[in-house]
Amino acid sequence: MGHRLSKITTRTGDRGETGLGDGRRVAKDSPRVQAMGEIDELNSAIGVLLAEKMPAKLRRELLQVQQDLFDLGGEVCIPGHRMIEERHVKRLEQLIEAHNATLAPLKEFILPGGTRAAAAAHLARTICRRAERSLVALGHREDVSAQVRRYVNRLSDLLFVLGRVLNRAAGRHDVLWRHER
């Protein structure tokens, strides 16, 4: 990769096209580029979450998720290329199960919030859901691997659980939706 990123302004996208990882040029508003952008936005949102105070174990887990998302974005950028495997999905499932086992069962819906870290986790969750919708839409036109869709679906569940875990780690309770207000 050496000097590959040394020139940031290339002017190659000035006419509304961008390059995929396989060298093809596509419109910047194509479903594939839309999905790539939302995966990038999700990774950035997790970066904002990581700027908050949190237990070291959660930080390590989220840093691994960022690495996975970069690979996932690469897979979407190179049609037919596969990087996300069943083991990535299983890891998220194990994290969800382990973290959720430490939480009180939910009896009400919760609102995004509590601490800044929990709110950032919920914001990342909503961006994750949007990225998932873009991947599904792309899959109606072009090939998107089942593992990519499953990974993003599980990640949104993990981010929901982590919002609760982060509130608890800070000594805060979930913000409950008051349906009888």
Protein backbone atom coordinates (compact mmCIF):
# COMPACT_ATOMS: atom_id res chain seq x y z
CA MET A 1 0.00 0.00 0.00
CA GLY A 2 3.10 2.19 0.38
CA HIS A 3 2.37 5.47 -1.39
CA ARG A 4 -1.10 4.53 -2.55
CA LEU A 5 -2.82 7.13 -0.35
CA SER A 6 -0.25 9.88 -0.68
CA LYS A 7 -2.36 11.85 -3.15
CA ILE A 8 -5.83 12.56 -1.74
CA THR A 9 -7.21 14.93 -4.37
CA THR A 10 -7.26 13.03 -7.65
CA ARG A 11 -10.11 14.81 -9.49
CA THR A 12 -11.21 11.44 -10.90
CA GLY A 13 -14.63 11.79 -9.29
CA ASP A 14 -15.42 15.26 -10.55
CA ARG A 15 -17.94 13.94 -13.09
CA GLY A 16 -19.98 12.00 -10.52
CA GLU A 17 -18.26 8.65 -10.81
CA THR A 18 -15.99 6.71 -8.51
CA GLY A 19 -13.82 3.62 -8.80
CA LEU A 20 -14.63 0.26 -7.28
CA GLY A 21 -11.92 -1.98 -5.90
CA ASP A 22 -11.85 -3.99 -9.11
CA GLY A 23 -11.14 -0.85 -11.19
CA ARG A 24 -14.63 -0.39 -12.64
CA ARG A 25 -16.10 3.12 -12.63
CA VAL A 26 -19.65 3.55 -11.32
CA ALA A 27 -21.95 6.46 -10.56
CA LYS A 28 -21.51 7.89 -7.08
CA ASP A 29 -25.24 7.46 -6.47
CA SER A 30 -25.27 3.75 -7.36
CA PRO A 31 -26.70 1.36 -4.74
CA ARG A 32 -23.24 -0.17 -4.26
CA VAL A 33 -21.60 3.19 -3.54
CA GLN A 34 -24.53 4.11 -1.28
CA ALA A 35 -23.98 0.93 0.76
CA MET A 36 -20.21 1.54 0.88
CA GLY A 37 -20.79 5.07 2.17
CA GLU A 38 -23.16 3.91 4.89
CA ILE A 39 -20.72 1.24 6.03
CA ASP A 40 -18.04 3.95 6.20
CA GLU A 41 -20.42 6.20 8.16
CA LEU A 42 -21.13 3.33 10.56
CA ASN A 43 -17.42 2.77 11.10
CA SER A 44 -17.00 6.50 11.79
CA ALA A 45 -19.89 6.43 14.26
CA ILE A 46 -18.18 3.59 16.10
CA GLY A 47 -15.03 5.74 16.11
CA VAL A 48 -17.03 8.49 17.85
CA LEU A 49 -18.30 5.91 20.33
CA LEU A 50 -14.72 4.81 20.97
CA ALA A 51 -13.80 8.39 21.89
CA GLU A 52 -15.99 7.96 24.99
CA LYS A 53 -14.94 6.41 28.28
CA MET A 54 -15.72 2.69 28.45
CA PRO A 55 -14.41 -0.56 29.90
CA ALA A 56 -11.26 -1.81 28.17
CA LYS A 57 -12.95 -5.07 27.14
CA LEU A 58 -15.67 -3.19 25.24
CA ARG A 59 -13.05 -0.98 23.61
CA ARG A 60 -11.18 -4.05 22.32
CA GLU A 61 -14.39 -5.57 21.01
CA LEU A 62 -15.38 -2.38 19.19
CA LEU A 63 -11.91 -1.96 17.71
CA GLN A 64 -12.26 -5.47 16.26
CA VAL A 65 -15.66 -4.50 14.86
CA GLN A 66 -14.05 -1.51 13.14
CA GLN A 67 -11.50 -3.82 11.52
CA ASP A 68 -14.32 -6.14 10.41
CA LEU A 69 -16.29 -3.22 8.97
CA PHE A 70 -13.30 -2.11 6.95
CA ASP A 71 -13.08 -5.64 5.53
CA LEU A 72 -16.84 -5.67 4.96
CA GLY A 73 -16.61 -2.38 3.08
CA GLY A 74 -13.82 -3.87 1.00
CA GLU A 75 -16.01 -6.83 0.16
CA VAL A 76 -18.81 -4.52 -0.99
CA CYS A 77 -16.29 -2.43 -2.96
CA ILE A 78 -15.05 -5.46 -4.90
CA PRO A 79 -18.04 -7.34 -6.32
CA GLY A 80 -17.62 -11.09 -5.89
CA HIS A 81 -14.84 -10.76 -3.30
CA ARG A 82 -15.47 -12.45 0.08
CA MET A 83 -13.91 -11.37 3.39
CA ILE A 84 -16.70 -11.72 5.97
CA GLU A 85 -17.21 -15.32 7.03
CA GLU A 86 -19.50 -17.24 9.33
CA ARG A 87 -16.92 -16.96 12.11
CA HIS A 88 -17.34 -13.15 12.12
CA VAL A 89 -21.10 -13.51 12.57
CA LYS A 90 -20.63 -16.14 15.30
CA ARG A 91 -18.24 -13.85 17.20
CA LEU A 92 -20.89 -11.13 17.29
CA GLU A 93 -23.51 -13.63 18.42
CA GLN A 94 -21.24 -14.75 21.27
CA LEU A 95 -20.64 -11.14 22.33
CA ILE A 96 -24.36 -10.38 22.28
CA GLU A 97 -25.11 -13.44 24.38
CA ALA A 98 -22.33 -12.76 26.89
CA HIS A 99 -23.16 -9.08 27.37
CA ASN A 100 -26.91 -9.59 27.43
CA ALA A 101 -26.56 -12.28 30.12
CA THR A 102 -25.21 -9.61 32.49
CA LEU A 103 -28.22 -7.29 32.01
CA ALA A 104 -31.61 -7.25 33.66
CA PRO A 105 -34.38 -8.48 31.34
CA LEU A 106 -36.21 -5.70 29.51
CA LYS A 107 -39.86 -5.25 30.45
CA GLU A 108 -40.32 -1.96 28.58
CA PHE A 109 -38.92 -0.36 25.46
CA ILE A 110 -35.94 1.87 26.08
CA LEU A 111 -35.05 5.23 24.60
CA PRO A 112 -31.59 6.03 23.23
CA GLY A 113 -29.70 7.88 25.91
CA GLY A 114 -28.42 7.82 29.44
CA THR A 115 -24.73 8.48 29.05
CA ARG A 116 -23.02 10.01 26.02
CA ALA A 117 -21.40 6.64 25.33
CA ALA A 118 -24.75 4.82 25.41
CA ALA A 119 -26.32 7.47 23.19
CA ALA A 120 -23.41 7.10 20.75
CA ALA A 121 -23.95 3.32 20.71
CA HIS A 122 -27.62 3.85 19.87
CA LEU A 123 -26.76 6.33 17.13
CA ALA A 124 -24.30 3.81 15.67
CA ARG A 125 -27.09 1.20 15.89
CA THR A 126 -29.45 3.34 13.80
CA ILE A 127 -26.73 3.98 11.22
CA CYS A 128 -26.10 0.23 11.18
CA ARG A 129 -29.78 -0.40 10.42
CA ARG A 130 -29.63 2.09 7.54
CA ALA A 131 -26.51 0.38 6.18
CA GLU A 132 -28.34 -2.92 6.43
CA ARG A 133 -31.27 -1.54 4.42
CA SER A 134 -28.82 -0.35 1.74
CA LEU A 135 -27.19 -3.77 1.57
CA VAL A 136 -30.60 -5.43 1.20
CA ALA A 137 -31.52 -2.98 -1.59
CA LEU A 138 -28.18 -3.65 -3.30
CA GLY A 139 -28.83 -7.38 -2.97
CA HIS A 140 -32.01 -7.02 -5.04
CA ARG A 141 -29.85 -5.87 -7.98
CA GLU A 142 -26.42 -7.40 -7.42
CA ASP A 143 -24.73 -10.09 -5.37
CA VAL A 144 -24.29 -9.38 -1.65
CA SER A 145 -23.15 -12.27 0.50
CA ALA A 146 -25.44 -13.64 3.18
CA GLN A 147 -22.59 -13.27 5.71
CA VAL A 148 -22.37 -9.52 5.06
CA ARG A 149 -26.10 -9.09 5.64
CA ARG A 150 -26.04 -11.31 8.73
CA TYR A 151 -22.99 -9.51 10.16
CA VAL A 152 -24.60 -6.10 9.89
CA ASN A 153 -27.86 -7.41 11.33
CA ARG A 154 -26.05 -8.88 14.35
CA LEU A 155 -23.95 -5.75 14.76
CA SER A 156 -27.06 -3.61 15.25
CA ASP A 157 -28.19 -6.03 17.98
CA LEU A 158 -24.77 -5.83 19.63
CA LEU A 159 -24.81 -2.03 19.57
CA PHE A 160 -28.23 -2.05 21.26
CA VAL A 161 -26.93 -4.33 24.02
CA LEU A 162 -23.73 -2.27 24.37
CA GLY A 163 -25.80 0.88 24.89
CA ARG A 164 -27.32 -0.81 27.92
CA VAL A 165 -23.94 -2.16 29.08
CA LEU A 166 -22.37 1.30 28.82
CA ASN A 167 -25.13 2.87 30.89
CA ARG A 168 -24.72 0.20 33.54
CA ALA A 169 -20.91 0.60 33.55
CA ALA A 170 -21.41 4.30 34.28
CA GLY A 171 -23.88 3.59 37.08
CA ARG A 172 -26.90 4.71 35.04
CA HIS A 173 -30.18 2.99 34.29
CA ASP A 174 -31.79 2.46 30.92
CA VAL A 175 -34.00 5.34 29.81
CA LEU A 176 -37.42 3.73 29.71
CA TRP A 177 -40.18 4.67 27.32
CA ARG A 178 -43.15 5.73 29.41
CA HIS A 179 -46.11 4.46 27.43
CA GLU A 180 -48.60 5.67 30.07
CA ARG A 181 -47.46 9.25 30.34
